[in-house]
Amino acid sequence: CASCHASRAALRRPRSGQALCGACFCAAFEAEVLHTVLAGRLLPPGAVVAVGASGGKDSTVLAHVLRALTPRLGISLQLVAVDEGIGGYRDAA
């Protein structure tokens, strides 16, 4: 891993070419999301944020990262389940 130099790299970041282990990738990704939210003043402290969750990878990652950053952002989260209305697609959920 190019960051911690202790673990074996699990992936190579496309933009930077940096080879990172899973833990360092997650830390870097969370730091980038935090920077983007703070720099853009996207979520003011005290905001209640609704995350629409379909159960797919995009909404799951968004919910996970925002949950991890909630203490640093000073926000609260509400998870909103989304049913796309596609028969047989989410019946088990």
Protein backbone atom coordinates (compact mmCIF):
# COMPACT_ATOMS: atom_id res chain seq x y z
CA CYS A 1 0.00 0.00 0.00
CA ALA A 2 1.39 3.37 -1.03
CA SER A 3 -0.19 5.02 2.01
CA CYS A 4 0.41 2.78 5.04
CA HIS A 5 3.25 0.67 3.59
CA ALA A 6 2.11 -2.14 5.90
CA SER A 7 -0.62 -3.94 3.98
CA ARG A 8 -0.78 -5.35 0.50
CA ALA A 9 -2.47 -3.09 -2.05
CA ALA A 10 -5.93 -4.26 -3.05
CA LEU A 11 -6.61 -1.77 -5.84
CA ARG A 12 -5.10 1.01 -7.92
CA ARG A 13 -6.91 4.35 -7.98
CA PRO A 14 -7.71 5.32 -11.59
CA ARG A 15 -6.96 9.06 -11.35
CA SER A 16 -3.84 9.02 -9.20
CA GLY A 17 -2.54 5.55 -10.00
CA GLN A 18 -1.98 5.11 -6.26
CA ALA A 19 -2.05 1.48 -5.09
CA LEU A 20 -3.92 1.22 -1.77
CA CYS A 21 -5.07 -1.45 0.64
CA GLY A 22 -8.78 -1.59 1.44
CA ALA A 23 -8.52 0.37 4.70
CA CYS A 24 -6.44 3.17 3.17
CA PHE A 25 -8.76 3.40 0.16
CA CYS A 26 -11.78 3.78 2.44
CA ALA A 27 -10.01 6.43 4.53
CA ALA A 28 -8.97 8.37 1.40
CA PHE A 29 -12.46 8.13 -0.08
CA GLU A 30 -14.10 9.36 3.13
CA ALA A 31 -11.59 12.24 3.35
CA GLU A 32 -12.39 13.28 -0.22
CA VAL A 33 -16.13 13.20 0.41
CA LEU A 34 -15.67 15.22 3.62
CA HIS A 35 -13.55 17.79 1.78
CA THR A 36 -16.11 18.09 -1.03
CA VAL A 37 -19.04 18.54 1.36
CA LEU A 38 -17.20 21.11 3.50
CA ALA A 39 -15.63 23.05 0.62
CA GLY A 40 -18.94 23.25 -1.22
CA ARG A 41 -20.89 23.98 1.96
CA LEU A 42 -23.30 21.30 0.82
CA LEU A 43 -24.61 20.20 4.23
CA PRO A 44 -24.82 22.85 6.94
CA PRO A 45 -24.35 21.69 10.56
CA GLY A 46 -27.68 20.63 12.04
CA ALA A 47 -29.09 19.58 8.68
CA VAL A 48 -31.30 16.52 8.49
CA VAL A 49 -30.29 14.58 5.39
CA ALA A 50 -32.54 12.00 3.75
CA VAL A 51 -30.67 9.29 1.87
CA GLY A 52 -32.81 7.50 -0.69
CA ALA A 53 -31.80 3.84 -0.55
CA SER A 54 -32.69 1.43 -3.29
CA GLY A 55 -30.36 -1.20 -1.88
CA GLY A 56 -27.96 -0.93 -4.81
CA LYS A 57 -24.27 -0.23 -4.45
CA ASP A 58 -24.50 3.53 -5.08
CA SER A 59 -27.07 4.29 -2.40
CA THR A 60 -25.47 1.82 0.01
CA VAL A 61 -22.04 3.47 -0.31
CA LEU A 62 -23.57 6.93 0.03
CA ALA A 63 -25.43 5.93 3.21
CA HIS A 64 -22.34 4.26 4.66
CA VAL A 65 -20.00 7.21 3.98
CA LEU A 66 -22.45 9.82 5.25
CA ARG A 67 -23.03 7.74 8.38
CA ALA A 68 -19.28 7.58 8.99
CA LEU A 69 -18.96 11.35 8.48
CA THR A 70 -22.06 12.33 10.48
CA PRO A 71 -20.13 13.25 13.67
CA ARG A 72 -17.67 15.44 11.77
CA LEU A 73 -20.37 17.10 9.69
CA GLY A 74 -22.80 17.67 12.56
CA ILE A 75 -25.75 16.32 10.59
CA SER A 76 -28.38 13.66 11.20
CA LEU A 77 -29.43 11.06 8.67
CA GLN A 78 -32.75 9.54 7.72
CA LEU A 79 -32.76 6.52 5.46
CA VAL A 80 -35.59 6.45 2.94
CA ALA A 81 -36.31 3.10 1.27
CA VAL A 82 -37.12 3.43 -2.40
CA ASP A 83 -39.28 0.94 -4.26
CA GLU A 84 -38.83 1.49 -7.98
CA GLY A 85 -42.09 -0.28 -8.71
CA ILE A 86 -40.43 -2.97 -10.82
CA GLY A 87 -42.32 -6.22 -10.26
CA GLY A 88 -40.16 -9.02 -8.87
CA TYR A 89 -37.15 -6.71 -8.44
CA ARG A 90 -37.35 -6.01 -4.70
CA ASP A 91 -39.97 -8.47 -3.57
CA ALA A 92 -37.65 -10.11 -1.02
CA ALA A 93 -36.69 -6.75 0.46
